Amino acid sequence: MNTIPRLTRFLALTALAYVVVFFVARLGFWLLYDNPNDPLGTADLLTALYIGLKFDLRLALLIILPIFLLGWTRLLSPFDSTVGRRFWLVYLVLVTLGVVLF
């Protein structure tokens, strides 16, 4: 009954996971470095979070773009090929480490 292809569902869930993790990290940094002596107005905070959410979404989509472009091929499919599954796993781990560390 699922009419949405597996690759599309996987990419959507992966992008959503990245956006949630990035947004939670953004909130964590704000809570950690919030200065009570210099409060930030609610409107300014919501604007900053909105702009950050747009940036996080753009970054998540750029991360999954190679999988979207190459994942449909039989050799690099994360579902039909063991080589493809391992390749994309290594890719996602390295990209995630790069984003988190830098």
N, C-alpha and C. Protein backbone atom coordinates (compact mmCIF):
# COMPACT_ATOMS: atom_id res chain seq x y z
N MET A 1 0.81 -1.19 0.00
CA MET A 1 0.00 0.00 0.00
C MET A 1 0.86 1.27 0.00
N ASN A 2 2.14 1.14 0.35
CA ASN A 2 3.00 2.32 0.35
C ASN A 2 3.31 2.72 -1.09
N THR A 3 2.87 3.90 -1.47
CA THR A 3 3.12 4.38 -2.82
C THR A 3 4.37 5.26 -2.88
N ILE A 4 4.89 5.64 -1.74
CA ILE A 4 6.11 6.45 -1.71
C ILE A 4 7.30 5.50 -1.76
N PRO A 5 8.22 5.70 -2.70
CA PRO A 5 9.39 4.81 -2.81
C PRO A 5 10.23 4.80 -1.54
N ARG A 6 10.89 3.67 -1.30
CA ARG A 6 11.70 3.54 -0.09
C ARG A 6 12.80 4.59 -0.01
N LEU A 7 13.43 4.87 -1.13
CA LEU A 7 14.52 5.87 -1.12
C LEU A 7 13.99 7.24 -0.73
N THR A 8 12.83 7.61 -1.22
CA THR A 8 12.24 8.91 -0.88
C THR A 8 11.89 8.97 0.59
N ARG A 9 11.29 7.90 1.12
CA ARG A 9 10.97 7.87 2.56
C ARG A 9 12.23 7.95 3.40
N PHE A 10 13.27 7.21 3.00
CA PHE A 10 14.54 7.23 3.72
C PHE A 10 15.15 8.62 3.73
N LEU A 11 15.15 9.28 2.57
CA LEU A 11 15.73 10.62 2.48
C LEU A 11 14.94 11.63 3.29
N ALA A 12 13.63 11.54 3.27
CA ALA A 12 12.80 12.47 4.04
C ALA A 12 13.05 12.28 5.54
N LEU A 13 13.10 11.04 5.99
CA LEU A 13 13.35 10.79 7.42
C LEU A 13 14.76 11.20 7.82
N THR A 14 15.72 10.98 6.94
CA THR A 14 17.10 11.38 7.23
C THR A 14 17.20 12.90 7.33
N ALA A 15 16.60 13.60 6.39
CA ALA A 15 16.62 15.07 6.43
C ALA A 15 15.92 15.58 7.68
N LEU A 16 14.79 14.98 8.03
CA LEU A 16 14.08 15.39 9.25
C LEU A 16 14.93 15.15 10.49
N ALA A 17 15.62 14.02 10.54
CA ALA A 17 16.49 13.72 11.68
C ALA A 17 17.62 14.74 11.79
N TYR A 18 18.23 15.08 10.66
CA TYR A 18 19.30 16.09 10.69
C TYR A 18 18.76 17.44 11.16
N VAL A 19 17.62 17.86 10.66
CA VAL A 19 17.06 19.15 11.05
C VAL A 19 16.76 19.17 12.54
N VAL A 20 16.19 18.09 13.06
CA VAL A 20 15.87 18.03 14.49
C VAL A 20 17.14 18.09 15.33
N VAL A 21 18.15 17.32 14.95
CA VAL A 21 19.41 17.32 15.71
C VAL A 21 20.06 18.70 15.66
N PHE A 22 20.10 19.31 14.49
CA PHE A 22 20.71 20.63 14.37
C PHE A 22 19.94 21.67 15.18
N PHE A 23 18.61 21.60 15.13
CA PHE A 23 17.79 22.57 15.85
C PHE A 23 17.94 22.40 17.37
N VAL A 24 17.99 21.16 17.83
CA VAL A 24 18.18 20.91 19.27
C VAL A 24 19.56 21.41 19.70
N ALA A 25 20.56 21.21 18.86
CA ALA A 25 21.90 21.74 19.16
C ALA A 25 21.88 23.26 19.23
N ARG A 26 21.14 23.89 18.32
CA ARG A 26 21.03 25.35 18.33
C ARG A 26 20.37 25.83 19.63
N LEU A 27 19.30 25.16 20.02
CA LEU A 27 18.64 25.51 21.29
C LEU A 27 19.56 25.28 22.48
N GLY A 28 20.31 24.20 22.43
CA GLY A 28 21.26 23.91 23.52
C GLY A 28 22.32 24.98 23.65
N PHE A 29 22.86 25.43 22.52
CA PHE A 29 23.85 26.50 22.57
C PHE A 29 23.24 27.79 23.10
N TRP A 30 22.02 28.08 22.71
CA TRP A 30 21.37 29.30 23.22
C TRP A 30 21.17 29.20 24.74
N LEU A 31 20.72 28.04 25.21
CA LEU A 31 20.51 27.89 26.65
C LEU A 31 21.83 27.95 27.41
N LEU A 32 22.88 27.39 26.83
CA LEU A 32 24.18 27.36 27.49
C LEU A 32 24.83 28.75 27.56
N TYR A 33 24.69 29.52 26.49
CA TYR A 33 25.38 30.80 26.42
C TYR A 33 24.46 32.01 26.57
N ASP A 34 23.24 31.79 27.02
CA ASP A 34 22.32 32.90 27.24
C ASP A 34 22.84 33.75 28.40
N ASN A 35 22.90 35.03 28.20
CA ASN A 35 23.41 35.95 29.21
C ASN A 35 22.22 36.61 29.91
N PRO A 36 21.99 36.33 31.20
CA PRO A 36 20.86 36.93 31.89
C PRO A 36 20.98 38.45 32.04
N ASN A 37 22.20 38.99 31.98
CA ASN A 37 22.41 40.43 32.09
C ASN A 37 22.07 41.16 30.80
N ASP A 38 22.02 40.43 29.72
CA ASP A 38 21.70 41.02 28.41
C ASP A 38 20.64 40.15 27.74
N PRO A 39 19.39 40.26 28.19
CA PRO A 39 18.36 39.36 27.67
C PRO A 39 18.04 39.64 26.21
N LEU A 40 17.65 38.60 25.54
CA LEU A 40 17.27 38.68 24.14
C LEU A 40 15.76 38.72 24.07
N GLY A 41 15.21 39.65 23.32
CA GLY A 41 13.77 39.76 23.19
C GLY A 41 13.17 38.54 22.49
N THR A 42 11.92 38.27 22.78
CA THR A 42 11.26 37.10 22.22
C THR A 42 11.19 37.18 20.70
N ALA A 43 10.89 38.34 20.18
CA ALA A 43 10.81 38.49 18.72
C ALA A 43 12.17 38.24 18.08
N ASP A 44 13.23 38.77 18.69
CA ASP A 44 14.57 38.54 18.15
C ASP A 44 14.96 37.08 18.24
N LEU A 45 14.61 36.43 19.34
CA LEU A 45 14.92 35.01 19.51
C LEU A 45 14.18 34.16 18.47
N LEU A 46 12.91 34.43 18.29
CA LEU A 46 12.14 33.65 17.31
C LEU A 46 12.64 33.89 15.88
N THR A 47 13.03 35.12 15.58
CA THR A 47 13.59 35.41 14.27
C THR A 47 14.90 34.65 14.07
N ALA A 48 15.75 34.68 15.08
CA ALA A 48 17.03 33.97 14.98
C ALA A 48 16.82 32.46 14.84
N LEU A 49 15.88 31.91 15.59
CA LEU A 49 15.60 30.48 15.49
C LEU A 49 15.01 30.12 14.13
N TYR A 50 14.18 30.98 13.58
CA TYR A 50 13.60 30.75 12.26
C TYR A 50 14.68 30.75 11.18
N ILE A 51 15.56 31.74 11.25
CA ILE A 51 16.65 31.81 10.27
C ILE A 51 17.58 30.60 10.43
N GLY A 52 17.84 30.22 11.67
CA GLY A 52 18.66 29.03 11.93
C GLY A 52 18.00 27.76 11.42
N LEU A 53 16.68 27.66 11.57
CA LEU A 53 15.95 26.49 11.08
C LEU A 53 16.05 26.40 9.55
N LYS A 54 15.96 27.54 8.88
CA LYS A 54 16.10 27.54 7.43
C LYS A 54 17.51 27.10 7.02
N PHE A 55 18.52 27.57 7.75
CA PHE A 55 19.89 27.16 7.47
C PHE A 55 20.07 25.66 7.72
N ASP A 56 19.50 25.16 8.83
CA ASP A 56 19.59 23.74 9.15
C ASP A 56 18.93 22.88 8.08
N LEU A 57 17.79 23.31 7.58
CA LEU A 57 17.10 22.57 6.53
C LEU A 57 17.93 22.55 5.25
N ARG A 58 18.52 23.69 4.91
CA ARG A 58 19.35 23.76 3.72
C ARG A 58 20.56 22.83 3.85
N LEU A 59 21.18 22.81 5.01
CA LEU A 59 22.33 21.95 5.24
C LEU A 59 21.93 20.47 5.16
N ALA A 60 20.80 20.12 5.75
CA ALA A 60 20.33 18.73 5.71
C ALA A 60 20.04 18.30 4.27
N LEU A 61 19.44 19.18 3.49
CA LEU A 61 19.15 18.84 2.09
C LEU A 61 20.43 18.72 1.27
N LEU A 62 21.42 19.54 1.55
CA LEU A 62 22.70 19.41 0.85
C LEU A 62 23.41 18.11 1.22
N ILE A 63 23.25 17.66 2.46
CA ILE A 63 23.87 16.41 2.88
C ILE A 63 23.24 15.22 2.15
N ILE A 64 21.94 15.22 1.98
CA ILE A 64 21.29 14.07 1.36
C ILE A 64 21.22 14.16 -0.17
N LEU A 65 21.63 15.29 -0.74
CA LEU A 65 21.57 15.47 -2.19
C LEU A 65 22.32 14.38 -2.96
N PRO A 66 23.56 14.01 -2.59
CA PRO A 66 24.24 12.94 -3.33
C PRO A 66 23.48 11.61 -3.29
N ILE A 67 22.87 11.30 -2.17
CA ILE A 67 22.09 10.06 -2.09
C ILE A 67 20.89 10.15 -3.01
N PHE A 68 20.26 11.31 -3.06
CA PHE A 68 19.12 11.51 -3.95
C PHE A 68 19.52 11.35 -5.42
N LEU A 69 20.67 11.89 -5.77
CA LEU A 69 21.10 11.86 -7.17
C LEU A 69 21.65 10.50 -7.60
N LEU A 70 22.34 9.80 -6.70
CA LEU A 70 23.00 8.54 -7.07
C LEU A 70 22.35 7.30 -6.49
N GLY A 71 21.46 7.47 -5.53
CA GLY A 71 20.87 6.32 -4.85
C GLY A 71 19.91 5.52 -5.69
N TRP A 72 19.46 6.03 -6.79
CA TRP A 72 18.52 5.31 -7.64
C TRP A 72 19.22 4.28 -8.52
N THR A 73 20.55 4.41 -8.69
CA THR A 73 21.27 3.44 -9.49
C THR A 73 21.38 2.11 -8.74
N ARG A 74 21.40 1.04 -9.47
CA ARG A 74 21.41 -0.30 -8.85
C ARG A 74 22.66 -0.53 -8.01
N LEU A 75 23.80 -0.06 -8.48
CA LEU A 75 25.05 -0.28 -7.76
C LEU A 75 25.12 0.49 -6.46
N LEU A 76 24.60 1.72 -6.43
CA LEU A 76 24.70 2.57 -5.25
C LEU A 76 23.39 2.69 -4.47
N SER A 77 22.45 1.82 -4.76
CA SER A 77 21.19 1.86 -4.04
C SER A 77 21.41 1.43 -2.59
N PRO A 78 20.94 2.21 -1.61
CA PRO A 78 21.12 1.81 -0.21
C PRO A 78 20.23 0.63 0.19
N PHE A 79 19.32 0.21 -0.69
CA PHE A 79 18.40 -0.88 -0.36
C PHE A 79 18.66 -2.14 -1.16
N ASP A 80 19.18 -2.01 -2.39
CA ASP A 80 19.33 -3.16 -3.27
C ASP A 80 20.76 -3.67 -3.36
N SER A 81 21.71 -2.94 -2.81
CA SER A 81 23.11 -3.30 -2.98
C SER A 81 23.84 -3.20 -1.64
N THR A 82 24.60 -4.24 -1.32
CA THR A 82 25.43 -4.20 -0.11
C THR A 82 26.52 -3.16 -0.23
N VAL A 83 27.09 -3.04 -1.41
CA VAL A 83 28.13 -2.03 -1.66
C VAL A 83 27.55 -0.63 -1.47
N GLY A 84 26.38 -0.41 -2.02
CA GLY A 84 25.73 0.89 -1.87
C GLY A 84 25.38 1.20 -0.43
N ARG A 85 24.89 0.20 0.29
CA ARG A 85 24.54 0.40 1.70
C ARG A 85 25.77 0.80 2.51
N ARG A 86 26.87 0.10 2.29
CA ARG A 86 28.11 0.43 3.02
C ARG A 86 28.66 1.79 2.60
N PHE A 87 28.61 2.06 1.31
CA PHE A 87 29.11 3.34 0.81
C PHE A 87 28.35 4.51 1.43
N TRP A 88 27.02 4.43 1.45
CA TRP A 88 26.22 5.54 1.99
C TRP A 88 26.34 5.62 3.49
N LEU A 89 26.55 4.49 4.15
CA LEU A 89 26.76 4.53 5.60
C LEU A 89 28.05 5.27 5.93
N VAL A 90 29.11 4.93 5.22
CA VAL A 90 30.39 5.63 5.43
C VAL A 90 30.25 7.10 5.09
N TYR A 91 29.57 7.40 4.00
CA TYR A 91 29.35 8.79 3.60
C TYR A 91 28.62 9.57 4.70
N LEU A 92 27.52 9.03 5.19
CA LEU A 92 26.74 9.73 6.22
C LEU A 92 27.51 9.89 7.51
N VAL A 93 28.28 8.88 7.89
CA VAL A 93 29.09 8.99 9.11
C VAL A 93 30.14 10.08 8.96
N LEU A 94 30.85 10.09 7.83
CA LEU A 94 31.90 11.10 7.62
C LEU A 94 31.33 12.50 7.53
N VAL A 95 30.23 12.66 6.82
CA VAL A 95 29.61 13.99 6.70
C VAL A 95 29.08 14.47 8.05
N THR A 96 28.47 13.57 8.79
CA THR A 96 27.96 13.95 10.11
C THR A 96 29.09 14.35 11.03
N LEU A 97 30.17 13.58 11.04
CA LEU A 97 31.32 13.95 11.85
C LEU A 97 31.91 15.30 11.40
N GLY A 98 31.97 15.51 10.10
CA GLY A 98 32.47 16.79 9.61
C GLY A 98 31.62 17.96 10.03
N VAL A 99 30.30 17.79 9.97
CA VAL A 99 29.39 18.88 10.37
C VAL A 99 29.47 19.11 11.86
N VAL A 100 29.54 18.06 12.63
CA VAL A 100 29.55 18.20 14.10
C VAL A 100 30.88 18.77 14.58
N LEU A 101 31.97 18.34 13.99
CA LEU A 101 33.29 18.79 14.46
C LEU A 101 33.71 20.14 13.92
N PHE A 102 33.20 20.52 12.76
CA PHE A 102 33.62 21.79 12.17
C PHE A 102 32.43 22.68 12.08
